[in-house]
N, C-alpha and C. Protein backbone atom coordinates (compact mmCIF):
# COMPACT_ATOMS: atom_id res chain seq x y z
N MET A 1 -13.46 10.79 11.89
CA MET A 1 -13.49 12.02 11.13
C MET A 1 -13.32 11.69 9.65
N ALA A 2 -14.21 12.18 8.84
CA ALA A 2 -14.15 11.95 7.40
C ALA A 2 -13.51 13.16 6.71
N PHE A 3 -12.84 12.90 5.63
CA PHE A 3 -12.31 13.98 4.83
C PHE A 3 -12.31 13.55 3.37
N ALA A 4 -12.18 14.51 2.50
CA ALA A 4 -12.17 14.21 1.07
C ALA A 4 -11.07 15.03 0.40
N ILE A 5 -10.33 14.40 -0.46
CA ILE A 5 -9.37 15.11 -1.29
C ILE A 5 -10.10 15.44 -2.58
N VAL A 6 -10.32 16.72 -2.81
CA VAL A 6 -11.09 17.11 -3.99
C VAL A 6 -10.22 17.72 -5.08
N GLY A 7 -8.99 18.03 -4.75
CA GLY A 7 -8.09 18.59 -5.74
C GLY A 7 -6.65 18.31 -5.34
N LEU A 8 -5.77 18.25 -6.34
CA LEU A 8 -4.39 17.92 -6.06
C LEU A 8 -3.47 18.75 -6.94
N GLY A 9 -2.41 19.23 -6.35
CA GLY A 9 -1.33 19.89 -7.08
C GLY A 9 -0.03 19.35 -6.50
N CYS A 10 0.94 19.01 -7.33
CA CYS A 10 2.17 18.44 -6.77
C CYS A 10 3.37 18.75 -7.65
N ARG A 11 4.53 18.72 -7.03
CA ARG A 11 5.82 18.75 -7.69
C ARG A 11 6.65 17.68 -7.00
N LEU A 12 7.06 16.68 -7.74
CA LEU A 12 7.82 15.58 -7.18
C LEU A 12 9.07 15.33 -8.02
N PRO A 13 10.07 14.69 -7.44
CA PRO A 13 11.27 14.36 -8.23
C PRO A 13 10.91 13.56 -9.47
N GLY A 14 11.76 13.65 -10.47
CA GLY A 14 11.53 12.93 -11.71
C GLY A 14 10.63 13.69 -12.66
N GLY A 15 10.41 14.97 -12.40
CA GLY A 15 9.56 15.78 -13.26
C GLY A 15 8.08 15.51 -13.11
N ILE A 16 7.67 14.91 -12.01
CA ILE A 16 6.27 14.58 -11.79
C ILE A 16 5.52 15.83 -11.34
N VAL A 17 4.45 16.16 -12.08
CA VAL A 17 3.67 17.36 -11.76
C VAL A 17 2.18 17.07 -11.60
N ASP A 18 1.80 15.79 -11.65
CA ASP A 18 0.39 15.45 -11.47
C ASP A 18 0.25 14.02 -10.96
N LEU A 19 -0.96 13.67 -10.58
CA LEU A 19 -1.22 12.34 -10.02
C LEU A 19 -0.94 11.24 -11.03
N ALA A 20 -1.26 11.48 -12.29
CA ALA A 20 -1.00 10.47 -13.33
C ALA A 20 0.50 10.16 -13.42
N GLY A 21 1.32 11.20 -13.35
CA GLY A 21 2.76 11.01 -13.39
C GLY A 21 3.27 10.23 -12.19
N LEU A 22 2.68 10.49 -11.02
CA LEU A 22 3.06 9.75 -9.82
C LEU A 22 2.72 8.27 -9.97
N TRP A 23 1.50 7.98 -10.43
CA TRP A 23 1.10 6.58 -10.59
C TRP A 23 1.97 5.87 -11.62
N GLU A 24 2.30 6.57 -12.72
CA GLU A 24 3.17 5.96 -13.73
C GLU A 24 4.53 5.59 -13.14
N ALA A 25 5.09 6.51 -12.34
CA ALA A 25 6.39 6.24 -11.72
C ALA A 25 6.31 5.08 -10.74
N LEU A 26 5.24 5.02 -9.97
CA LEU A 26 5.06 3.93 -9.01
C LEU A 26 4.89 2.59 -9.71
N GLU A 27 4.04 2.57 -10.75
CA GLU A 27 3.81 1.32 -11.48
C GLU A 27 5.07 0.83 -12.17
N ALA A 28 5.88 1.75 -12.69
CA ALA A 28 7.11 1.37 -13.38
C ALA A 28 8.26 1.09 -12.42
N GLY A 29 8.07 1.43 -11.15
CA GLY A 29 9.14 1.24 -10.17
C GLY A 29 10.33 2.14 -10.44
N ARG A 30 10.08 3.33 -10.98
CA ARG A 30 11.17 4.25 -11.33
C ARG A 30 11.94 4.71 -10.10
N ASP A 31 13.24 4.82 -10.23
CA ASP A 31 14.11 5.39 -9.21
C ASP A 31 14.19 6.88 -9.50
N LEU A 32 13.67 7.70 -8.60
CA LEU A 32 13.61 9.14 -8.82
C LEU A 32 14.78 9.87 -8.20
N VAL A 33 15.74 9.13 -7.69
CA VAL A 33 16.94 9.72 -7.10
C VAL A 33 17.98 9.83 -8.20
N GLY A 34 18.63 11.00 -8.28
CA GLY A 34 19.62 11.20 -9.33
C GLY A 34 20.74 12.12 -8.89
N ALA A 35 21.62 12.42 -9.82
CA ALA A 35 22.75 13.30 -9.55
C ALA A 35 22.27 14.73 -9.33
N VAL A 36 23.09 15.51 -8.66
CA VAL A 36 22.78 16.92 -8.43
C VAL A 36 22.68 17.62 -9.77
N PRO A 37 21.55 18.30 -10.06
CA PRO A 37 21.44 19.03 -11.32
C PRO A 37 22.50 20.13 -11.42
N GLU A 38 23.04 20.33 -12.60
CA GLU A 38 24.11 21.30 -12.80
C GLU A 38 23.71 22.72 -12.42
N ASP A 39 22.41 23.05 -12.52
CA ASP A 39 21.98 24.42 -12.23
C ASP A 39 21.79 24.68 -10.73
N ARG A 40 22.01 23.68 -9.86
CA ARG A 40 21.82 23.86 -8.41
C ARG A 40 23.07 24.41 -7.74
N PHE A 41 24.14 23.69 -7.86
CA PHE A 41 25.42 24.11 -7.30
C PHE A 41 26.52 23.26 -7.90
N GLU A 42 27.76 23.69 -7.71
CA GLU A 42 28.90 22.97 -8.26
C GLU A 42 29.18 21.74 -7.40
N ALA A 43 28.67 20.60 -7.82
CA ALA A 43 28.83 19.37 -7.05
C ALA A 43 30.31 19.04 -6.83
N ALA A 44 31.14 19.28 -7.82
CA ALA A 44 32.57 18.97 -7.69
C ALA A 44 33.21 19.78 -6.56
N ARG A 45 32.67 20.95 -6.32
CA ARG A 45 33.23 21.83 -5.29
C ARG A 45 32.73 21.48 -3.88
N PHE A 46 31.50 21.00 -3.79
CA PHE A 46 30.88 20.81 -2.48
C PHE A 46 30.61 19.36 -2.09
N VAL A 47 30.95 18.41 -2.96
CA VAL A 47 30.69 17.00 -2.67
C VAL A 47 32.00 16.23 -2.66
N ASP A 48 32.19 15.43 -1.63
CA ASP A 48 33.32 14.53 -1.54
C ASP A 48 32.78 13.19 -1.06
N THR A 49 32.59 12.26 -1.97
CA THR A 49 31.99 10.97 -1.62
C THR A 49 32.97 10.03 -0.91
N ALA A 50 34.24 10.40 -0.88
CA ALA A 50 35.24 9.53 -0.26
C ALA A 50 35.08 9.47 1.26
N MET A 51 34.74 10.60 1.87
CA MET A 51 34.60 10.63 3.32
C MET A 51 33.84 11.89 3.75
N ALA A 52 33.24 11.81 4.92
CA ALA A 52 32.53 12.97 5.46
C ALA A 52 33.56 14.00 5.94
N ARG A 53 33.41 15.25 5.47
CA ARG A 53 34.29 16.34 5.89
C ARG A 53 33.46 17.59 6.12
N ARG A 54 33.91 18.43 7.02
CA ARG A 54 33.23 19.69 7.31
C ARG A 54 33.15 20.52 6.02
N GLY A 55 31.95 21.06 5.75
CA GLY A 55 31.76 21.89 4.57
C GLY A 55 31.53 21.13 3.28
N LYS A 56 31.47 19.82 3.36
CA LYS A 56 31.26 18.99 2.17
C LYS A 56 30.12 18.02 2.41
N SER A 57 29.43 17.70 1.34
CA SER A 57 28.43 16.65 1.38
C SER A 57 29.11 15.36 0.94
N TYR A 58 28.76 14.25 1.55
CA TYR A 58 29.38 12.99 1.13
C TYR A 58 28.46 12.18 0.23
N THR A 59 27.31 12.75 -0.11
CA THR A 59 26.42 12.09 -1.06
C THR A 59 26.20 13.01 -2.26
N ALA A 60 26.32 12.45 -3.42
CA ALA A 60 26.22 13.24 -4.66
C ALA A 60 24.88 13.03 -5.35
N ARG A 61 23.94 12.36 -4.68
CA ARG A 61 22.65 12.06 -5.30
C ARG A 61 21.53 12.55 -4.39
N GLY A 62 20.39 12.78 -4.99
CA GLY A 62 19.24 13.22 -4.22
C GLY A 62 17.97 13.17 -5.06
N ALA A 63 16.87 13.46 -4.45
CA ALA A 63 15.57 13.49 -5.15
C ALA A 63 15.25 14.96 -5.42
N PHE A 64 15.64 15.45 -6.57
CA PHE A 64 15.55 16.87 -6.91
C PHE A 64 14.31 17.17 -7.75
N LEU A 65 13.73 18.33 -7.51
CA LEU A 65 12.61 18.80 -8.31
C LEU A 65 13.13 19.51 -9.55
N ALA A 66 12.39 19.42 -10.63
CA ALA A 66 12.74 20.12 -11.86
C ALA A 66 12.21 21.55 -11.81
N ASP A 67 12.88 22.45 -12.48
CA ASP A 67 12.43 23.83 -12.67
C ASP A 67 12.00 24.53 -11.38
N ILE A 68 12.90 24.57 -10.41
CA ILE A 68 12.54 25.26 -9.17
C ILE A 68 12.59 26.78 -9.33
N ALA A 69 13.23 27.26 -10.39
CA ALA A 69 13.33 28.70 -10.59
C ALA A 69 12.11 29.27 -11.33
N GLY A 70 11.39 28.41 -12.06
CA GLY A 70 10.25 28.90 -12.82
C GLY A 70 9.10 29.27 -11.90
N PHE A 71 8.60 30.51 -11.98
CA PHE A 71 7.53 30.97 -11.11
C PHE A 71 6.87 32.17 -11.77
N ASP A 72 5.54 32.15 -11.88
CA ASP A 72 4.80 33.25 -12.49
C ASP A 72 4.38 34.23 -11.39
N ALA A 73 5.33 35.08 -11.00
CA ALA A 73 5.09 36.03 -9.91
C ALA A 73 3.92 36.97 -10.23
N ASP A 74 3.80 37.36 -11.47
CA ASP A 74 2.74 38.30 -11.87
C ASP A 74 1.36 37.72 -11.60
N TYR A 75 1.18 36.43 -11.82
CA TYR A 75 -0.10 35.77 -11.57
C TYR A 75 -0.54 35.96 -10.12
N PHE A 76 0.42 35.94 -9.20
CA PHE A 76 0.12 36.06 -7.78
C PHE A 76 0.19 37.51 -7.28
N GLY A 77 0.45 38.45 -8.18
CA GLY A 77 0.53 39.85 -7.78
C GLY A 77 1.79 40.14 -6.97
N ILE A 78 2.84 39.39 -7.23
CA ILE A 78 4.11 39.55 -6.52
C ILE A 78 5.10 40.22 -7.45
N SER A 79 5.79 41.24 -6.96
CA SER A 79 6.75 41.94 -7.80
C SER A 79 7.94 41.02 -8.09
N PRO A 80 8.60 41.22 -9.23
CA PRO A 80 9.78 40.41 -9.56
C PRO A 80 10.85 40.52 -8.47
N ARG A 81 10.99 41.69 -7.89
CA ARG A 81 12.00 41.89 -6.83
C ARG A 81 11.68 41.03 -5.61
N GLU A 82 10.41 41.04 -5.20
CA GLU A 82 10.01 40.23 -4.06
C GLU A 82 10.13 38.74 -4.38
N ALA A 83 9.74 38.35 -5.58
CA ALA A 83 9.79 36.94 -5.99
C ALA A 83 11.22 36.42 -5.95
N ALA A 84 12.18 37.26 -6.32
CA ALA A 84 13.58 36.84 -6.33
C ALA A 84 14.09 36.49 -4.93
N HIS A 85 13.45 37.04 -3.91
CA HIS A 85 13.88 36.79 -2.53
C HIS A 85 12.99 35.82 -1.78
N MET A 86 11.98 35.29 -2.46
CA MET A 86 11.08 34.34 -1.80
C MET A 86 11.74 32.98 -1.63
N ASP A 87 11.37 32.29 -0.58
CA ASP A 87 11.81 30.92 -0.36
C ASP A 87 11.20 30.06 -1.49
N PRO A 88 12.01 29.24 -2.16
CA PRO A 88 11.46 28.39 -3.24
C PRO A 88 10.30 27.51 -2.77
N GLN A 89 10.31 27.09 -1.50
CA GLN A 89 9.20 26.28 -1.00
C GLN A 89 7.91 27.09 -0.96
N HIS A 90 8.00 28.37 -0.68
CA HIS A 90 6.82 29.24 -0.68
C HIS A 90 6.26 29.36 -2.09
N ARG A 91 7.15 29.53 -3.07
CA ARG A 91 6.71 29.61 -4.47
C ARG A 91 6.01 28.31 -4.88
N LEU A 92 6.60 27.18 -4.52
CA LEU A 92 6.00 25.87 -4.84
C LEU A 92 4.63 25.72 -4.17
N LEU A 93 4.52 26.18 -2.94
CA LEU A 93 3.26 26.10 -2.22
C LEU A 93 2.18 26.90 -2.94
N LEU A 94 2.50 28.12 -3.35
CA LEU A 94 1.52 28.94 -4.07
C LEU A 94 1.08 28.26 -5.36
N GLU A 95 2.05 27.80 -6.14
CA GLU A 95 1.73 27.15 -7.42
C GLU A 95 0.87 25.91 -7.24
N THR A 96 1.25 25.04 -6.32
CA THR A 96 0.51 23.79 -6.15
C THR A 96 -0.84 24.01 -5.50
N ALA A 97 -0.98 25.04 -4.66
CA ALA A 97 -2.29 25.35 -4.07
C ALA A 97 -3.27 25.79 -5.16
N VAL A 98 -2.81 26.62 -6.08
CA VAL A 98 -3.66 27.06 -7.19
C VAL A 98 -4.00 25.88 -8.09
N GLU A 99 -3.03 25.01 -8.34
CA GLU A 99 -3.29 23.82 -9.16
C GLU A 99 -4.30 22.89 -8.50
N ALA A 100 -4.23 22.77 -7.17
CA ALA A 100 -5.18 21.92 -6.44
C ALA A 100 -6.59 22.50 -6.54
N LEU A 101 -6.71 23.82 -6.42
CA LEU A 101 -8.02 24.45 -6.57
C LEU A 101 -8.55 24.23 -7.99
N ASP A 102 -7.68 24.41 -8.98
CA ASP A 102 -8.07 24.21 -10.37
C ASP A 102 -8.49 22.76 -10.61
N ASP A 103 -7.72 21.82 -10.06
CA ASP A 103 -8.02 20.40 -10.20
C ASP A 103 -9.38 20.07 -9.57
N ALA A 104 -9.74 20.79 -8.52
CA ALA A 104 -11.02 20.57 -7.83
C ALA A 104 -12.16 21.31 -8.51
N GLY A 105 -11.83 22.12 -9.52
CA GLY A 105 -12.87 22.90 -10.19
C GLY A 105 -13.34 24.09 -9.38
N ILE A 106 -12.49 24.58 -8.49
CA ILE A 106 -12.84 25.72 -7.64
C ILE A 106 -12.14 26.96 -8.17
N ASP A 107 -12.90 28.01 -8.40
CA ASP A 107 -12.35 29.27 -8.87
C ASP A 107 -11.80 30.03 -7.68
N PRO A 108 -10.47 30.26 -7.62
CA PRO A 108 -9.90 30.98 -6.48
C PRO A 108 -10.51 32.38 -6.30
N GLY A 109 -11.05 32.94 -7.39
CA GLY A 109 -11.68 34.26 -7.31
C GLY A 109 -12.93 34.29 -6.44
N HIS A 110 -13.55 33.12 -6.21
CA HIS A 110 -14.73 33.07 -5.36
C HIS A 110 -14.38 33.09 -3.88
N TRP A 111 -13.12 32.88 -3.57
CA TRP A 111 -12.69 32.84 -2.17
C TRP A 111 -12.25 34.22 -1.74
N GLN A 112 -12.90 34.74 -0.74
CA GLN A 112 -12.51 36.03 -0.19
C GLN A 112 -12.45 35.90 1.32
N ALA A 113 -11.44 36.50 1.92
CA ALA A 113 -11.32 36.44 3.39
C ALA A 113 -12.56 37.07 4.01
N PRO A 114 -13.05 36.60 5.14
CA PRO A 114 -12.47 35.56 5.96
C PRO A 114 -13.09 34.18 5.74
N THR A 115 -13.85 33.95 4.65
CA THR A 115 -14.48 32.66 4.44
C THR A 115 -13.50 31.50 4.45
N PRO A 116 -12.47 31.50 3.59
CA PRO A 116 -11.55 30.37 3.65
C PRO A 116 -10.48 30.59 4.71
N ALA A 117 -10.02 29.52 5.26
CA ALA A 117 -8.87 29.59 6.17
C ALA A 117 -7.82 28.68 5.59
N CYS A 118 -6.74 29.26 5.11
CA CYS A 118 -5.68 28.45 4.52
C CYS A 118 -4.44 28.57 5.38
N SER A 119 -3.76 27.46 5.52
CA SER A 119 -2.55 27.48 6.33
C SER A 119 -1.49 26.64 5.65
N SER A 120 -0.27 26.91 6.00
CA SER A 120 0.81 26.08 5.51
C SER A 120 1.81 25.89 6.64
N ALA A 121 2.47 24.76 6.60
CA ALA A 121 3.50 24.47 7.59
C ALA A 121 4.59 23.69 6.89
N SER A 122 5.84 24.06 7.15
CA SER A 122 6.90 23.36 6.44
C SER A 122 8.19 23.38 7.22
N ARG A 123 8.86 22.27 7.21
CA ARG A 123 10.24 22.17 7.67
C ARG A 123 11.07 21.71 6.47
N THR A 124 10.58 20.70 5.77
CA THR A 124 11.31 20.19 4.61
C THR A 124 10.47 20.19 3.35
N SER A 125 9.16 20.18 3.47
CA SER A 125 8.32 20.22 2.28
C SER A 125 7.03 20.96 2.59
N PRO A 126 6.56 21.75 1.63
CA PRO A 126 5.34 22.51 1.88
C PRO A 126 4.10 21.63 1.91
N THR A 127 3.21 21.94 2.79
CA THR A 127 1.90 21.31 2.82
C THR A 127 0.88 22.41 3.00
N ALA A 128 -0.30 22.22 2.51
CA ALA A 128 -1.32 23.25 2.66
C ALA A 128 -2.64 22.59 2.98
N GLY A 129 -3.41 23.27 3.76
CA GLY A 129 -4.75 22.80 4.06
C GLY A 129 -5.70 23.96 3.92
N CYS A 130 -6.79 23.77 3.27
CA CYS A 130 -7.79 24.82 3.11
C CYS A 130 -9.14 24.28 3.53
N ARG A 131 -9.89 25.09 4.22
CA ARG A 131 -11.24 24.69 4.57
C ARG A 131 -12.14 25.87 4.24
N CYS A 132 -13.37 25.58 3.99
CA CYS A 132 -14.32 26.62 3.65
C CYS A 132 -15.51 26.46 4.59
N SER A 133 -15.92 27.53 5.25
CA SER A 133 -16.99 27.42 6.23
C SER A 133 -18.35 27.20 5.58
N SER A 134 -18.45 27.55 4.32
CA SER A 134 -19.69 27.26 3.59
C SER A 134 -19.31 26.75 2.20
N PRO A 135 -20.12 25.89 1.62
CA PRO A 135 -19.78 25.32 0.31
C PRO A 135 -19.62 26.42 -0.75
N VAL A 136 -18.64 26.24 -1.61
CA VAL A 136 -18.46 27.13 -2.73
C VAL A 136 -19.43 26.72 -3.81
N ARG A 137 -20.19 27.64 -4.33
CA ARG A 137 -21.18 27.32 -5.35
C ARG A 137 -20.79 27.91 -6.68
């Protein structure tokens, strides 16, 4: 089975938002694991690196994404109230799907149901797959 990646959108630790940033990090051998960002939660309150305890994390480092709160709800026709209650992974999926279409040179306005079939599945990270039954011209 053949497939082609024609567009890419990504958010990765270390502030990586595109393929060039990923390659730069790989070539430089950058360590993208860091301390818990201050805007996430009070690490001093919820982390105890001395020992594992109920209600505490014993690791104070992780691979965190930058700007998880930034989201242009209006672009997607989502009310601010609804956006405030959305799962951050869903917001990331929407943003990166649009970026992948843009990267591929595909105008999302040309896609109307039921021509495209888009799906997403996630337990820990969003993934999306889109197929088109006829070529977009």
